[in-house]
Amino acid sequence: MLCHRLRDVFVFTALLAGASGPAIGQVEGLDEVYRGEATETGARTALGALNEALPNPAGDSQCLPEPAAHADQMMRLHTELMLASLACEESWGSDQLYAQYAQFTYRMQTLLENGLEEMRRHLTRQGASDSLAAFDSYRTAIANEEAQELRELGTVTYCNMMSYRFDSLIDARPEQFEDYVEDVTGRLLSRVGVCGN
């Protein structure tokens, strides 16, 4: 079971007013999925309720200042691992993927908390009056984006594409994950430059 401090950080109860799709607080059980605490059945049900129409309040991920870009990439990688853990059991022949994701989430607790705080600061700088609600919508939006990719590619192709990344990261130590996030962020920013936000 994840410690209570992570539970407190990942409480997603506030809703973004006027959002065009469900926020995490509106999708029953999705906050537990992100914490790795949901049952696998509950996780599948929550992810099935996502709506890809929700806009990302963080804006274009290719145009974020470096600290926010780093946090964004960390949140995206965490989301990819979550979705792969639920979608790829049959393709990869393992019924332990979601349990591995939960263990990964526990090991990365401090990094994920730091990423969450940085994204909340970024959203506040962007004018969000309620950074928790904005983060709620942001996290739902990136889950929607990843779920849309799964739908578009199909399970077999998606799981083939995710196999190396999942295997490379799921048993990583925090410093290894941090190095990977730094590398991904550096490559992203070298292609697009750093925005001045």
Protein backbone atom coordinates (compact mmCIF):
# COMPACT_ATOMS: atom_id res chain seq x y z
CA MET A 1 0.00 0.00 0.00
CA LEU A 2 1.32 3.42 -0.85
CA CYS A 3 2.11 5.62 2.07
CA HIS A 4 -0.42 8.23 3.13
CA ARG A 5 1.80 11.14 2.08
CA LEU A 6 1.55 10.10 -1.58
CA ARG A 7 -2.18 9.58 -1.14
CA ASP A 8 -2.52 13.14 0.17
CA VAL A 9 -0.51 14.57 -2.72
CA PHE A 10 -2.49 12.72 -5.38
CA VAL A 11 -5.96 13.54 -4.08
CA PHE A 12 -7.83 14.79 -7.12
CA THR A 13 -11.15 16.05 -5.83
CA ALA A 14 -11.41 19.54 -7.29
CA LEU A 15 -12.97 19.91 -10.73
CA LEU A 16 -12.03 22.40 -13.40
CA ALA A 17 -15.06 24.57 -14.07
CA GLY A 18 -16.34 24.32 -17.60
CA ALA A 19 -14.13 21.39 -18.68
CA SER A 20 -15.45 19.69 -21.80
CA GLY A 21 -14.68 16.15 -20.62
CA PRO A 22 -14.43 14.35 -17.33
CA ALA A 23 -11.79 15.40 -14.84
CA ILE A 24 -10.11 12.82 -12.64
CA GLY A 25 -12.41 13.74 -9.78
CA GLN A 26 -15.35 12.91 -12.04
CA VAL A 27 -13.99 9.55 -13.17
CA GLU A 28 -14.58 7.32 -10.20
CA GLY A 29 -11.42 5.54 -9.13
CA LEU A 30 -8.94 7.27 -11.46
CA ASP A 31 -7.04 8.90 -8.61
CA GLU A 32 -6.52 5.43 -7.10
CA VAL A 33 -5.25 4.21 -10.47
CA TYR A 34 -2.56 6.91 -10.58
CA ARG A 35 -1.49 6.01 -7.06
CA GLY A 36 -1.33 2.32 -7.99
CA GLU A 37 -3.94 1.51 -5.34
CA ALA A 38 -6.92 0.51 -7.50
CA THR A 39 -7.77 -3.07 -8.26
CA GLU A 40 -6.96 -3.99 -11.82
CA THR A 41 -10.68 -4.23 -12.63
CA GLY A 42 -11.28 -0.83 -11.06
CA ALA A 43 -8.38 0.64 -13.04
CA ARG A 44 -9.74 -0.68 -16.33
CA THR A 45 -13.19 0.71 -15.55
CA ALA A 46 -11.83 4.15 -14.64
CA LEU A 47 -9.68 4.40 -17.76
CA GLY A 48 -12.61 3.35 -19.91
CA ALA A 49 -14.50 6.44 -18.75
CA LEU A 50 -11.94 8.93 -20.07
CA ASN A 51 -12.89 11.35 -22.80
CA GLU A 52 -10.20 12.48 -25.21
CA ALA A 53 -11.94 15.83 -25.76
CA LEU A 54 -10.58 17.36 -22.54
CA PRO A 55 -8.04 20.10 -23.37
CA ASN A 56 -4.67 20.08 -21.64
CA PRO A 57 -4.49 23.14 -19.36
CA ALA A 58 -0.68 23.03 -19.36
CA GLY A 59 -0.66 23.93 -23.03
CA ASP A 60 1.57 22.49 -25.73
CA SER A 61 4.06 20.15 -24.06
CA GLN A 62 6.68 21.21 -26.61
CA CYS A 63 6.53 24.80 -25.37
CA LEU A 64 7.08 24.62 -21.65
CA PRO A 65 9.86 26.16 -19.57
CA GLU A 66 12.51 23.61 -18.60
CA PRO A 67 11.29 22.78 -15.06
CA ALA A 68 7.71 22.31 -16.26
CA ALA A 69 8.87 20.36 -19.33
CA HIS A 70 10.78 18.01 -17.03
CA ALA A 71 7.74 17.53 -14.78
CA ASP A 72 5.49 17.08 -17.82
CA GLN A 73 7.72 14.35 -19.25
CA MET A 74 7.78 12.59 -15.88
CA MET A 75 3.98 12.67 -15.64
CA ARG A 76 3.66 11.44 -19.23
CA LEU A 77 6.06 8.54 -18.68
CA HIS A 78 4.20 7.57 -15.50
CA THR A 79 0.93 7.68 -17.46
CA GLU A 80 2.38 5.55 -20.27
CA LEU A 81 3.47 2.92 -17.76
CA MET A 82 0.03 2.94 -16.15
CA LEU A 83 -1.78 2.43 -19.44
CA ALA A 84 0.66 -0.21 -20.67
CA SER A 85 0.29 -2.10 -17.38
CA LEU A 86 -3.44 -2.35 -18.01
CA ALA A 87 -3.51 -2.80 -21.78
CA CYS A 88 -0.65 -5.20 -22.41
CA GLU A 89 -1.17 -8.17 -20.10
CA GLU A 90 -2.29 -10.47 -22.89
CA SER A 91 0.24 -9.22 -25.43
CA TRP A 92 3.13 -9.63 -22.99
CA GLY A 93 1.81 -12.76 -21.29
CA SER A 94 1.93 -11.40 -17.75
CA ASP A 95 -0.76 -10.83 -15.16
CA GLN A 96 1.63 -8.86 -12.92
CA LEU A 97 2.00 -5.66 -14.96
CA TYR A 98 -0.33 -3.52 -12.87
CA ALA A 99 1.31 -4.78 -9.67
CA GLN A 100 4.67 -3.77 -11.16
CA TYR A 101 3.24 -0.33 -11.96
CA ALA A 102 2.04 0.03 -8.35
CA GLN A 103 5.52 -0.89 -7.07
CA PHE A 104 7.11 1.56 -9.52
CA THR A 105 4.78 4.32 -8.29
CA TYR A 106 5.75 3.60 -4.70
CA ARG A 107 9.49 3.69 -5.49
CA MET A 108 9.14 6.95 -7.42
CA GLN A 109 7.00 8.62 -4.77
CA THR A 110 9.34 11.55 -4.07
CA LEU A 111 10.06 12.21 -7.76
CA LEU A 112 6.36 12.09 -8.62
CA GLU A 113 5.50 14.42 -5.74
CA ASN A 114 8.16 16.88 -6.93
CA GLY A 115 6.83 16.67 -10.50
CA LEU A 116 3.30 17.25 -9.28
CA GLU A 117 4.36 20.34 -7.36
CA GLU A 118 6.28 21.75 -10.33
CA MET A 119 3.29 21.27 -12.63
CA ARG A 120 1.02 22.92 -10.08
CA ARG A 121 3.43 25.90 -9.92
CA HIS A 122 3.50 26.07 -13.72
CA LEU A 123 -0.29 25.98 -13.93
CA THR A 124 -0.48 28.75 -11.33
CA ARG A 125 1.98 30.84 -13.37
CA GLN A 126 -0.26 30.21 -16.37
CA GLY A 127 -3.14 31.82 -14.49
CA ALA A 128 -4.92 28.84 -12.91
CA SER A 129 -6.74 30.10 -9.84
CA ASP A 130 -7.04 26.55 -8.47
CA SER A 131 -3.82 24.69 -9.26
CA LEU A 132 -5.14 21.39 -7.90
CA ALA A 133 -8.16 21.52 -10.18
CA ALA A 134 -5.95 22.52 -13.11
CA PHE A 135 -3.55 19.69 -12.34
CA ASP A 136 -6.53 17.35 -12.15
CA SER A 137 -7.54 18.36 -15.67
CA TYR A 138 -3.93 18.25 -16.89
CA ARG A 139 -3.44 14.70 -15.63
CA THR A 140 -6.75 13.60 -17.15
CA ALA A 141 -5.80 15.22 -20.46
CA ILE A 142 -2.50 13.34 -20.72
CA ALA A 143 -4.26 10.08 -19.80
CA ASN A 144 -6.80 10.85 -22.53
CA GLU A 145 -4.00 11.49 -25.05
CA GLU A 146 -2.35 8.17 -24.22
CA ALA A 147 -5.66 6.28 -24.29
CA GLN A 148 -6.41 7.83 -27.70
CA GLU A 149 -3.04 6.60 -28.99
CA LEU A 150 -3.90 3.10 -27.77
CA ARG A 151 -7.27 3.24 -29.55
CA GLU A 152 -5.72 4.54 -32.78
CA LEU A 153 -2.83 2.05 -32.87
CA GLY A 154 -4.69 -0.95 -31.50
CA THR A 155 -3.54 -3.01 -28.56
CA VAL A 156 -1.00 -5.20 -30.33
CA THR A 157 0.82 -2.32 -32.02
CA TYR A 158 0.66 -0.12 -28.91
CA CYS A 159 2.04 -2.88 -26.69
CA ASN A 160 4.82 -3.68 -29.18
CA MET A 161 5.72 0.00 -29.22
CA MET A 162 5.67 0.27 -25.40
CA SER A 163 7.48 -2.98 -24.61
CA TYR A 164 11.03 -1.63 -24.51
CA ARG A 165 10.15 1.49 -22.52
CA PHE A 166 8.10 -0.49 -19.99
CA ASP A 167 10.84 -3.10 -19.54
CA SER A 168 13.49 -0.37 -19.25
CA LEU A 169 11.66 1.68 -16.62
CA ILE A 170 9.40 -0.55 -14.54
CA ASP A 171 12.18 -1.87 -12.27
CA ALA A 172 14.26 1.33 -12.32
CA ARG A 173 15.62 2.95 -9.22
CA PRO A 174 14.63 6.61 -8.67
CA GLU A 175 18.00 7.93 -9.91
CA GLN A 176 17.69 5.84 -13.10
CA PHE A 177 14.18 7.14 -13.76
CA GLU A 178 15.34 10.70 -13.09
CA ASP A 179 18.19 10.25 -15.59
CA TYR A 180 15.77 8.90 -18.18
CA VAL A 181 13.38 11.82 -17.66
CA GLU A 182 16.31 14.27 -17.98
CA ASP A 183 17.35 12.63 -21.24
CA VAL A 184 13.83 12.67 -22.73
CA THR A 185 13.32 16.28 -21.62
CA GLY A 186 16.68 17.36 -23.02
CA ARG A 187 15.91 15.81 -26.40
CA LEU A 188 12.48 17.47 -26.48
CA LEU A 189 13.84 20.90 -25.60
CA SER A 190 16.77 20.62 -28.01
CA ARG A 191 14.28 20.21 -30.84
CA VAL A 192 11.95 23.04 -29.90
CA GLY A 193 13.87 25.41 -27.63
CA VAL A 194 12.83 26.59 -24.19
CA CYS A 195 9.84 28.91 -23.95
CA GLY A 196 10.04 31.94 -21.71
CA ASN A 197 7.12 31.16 -19.39
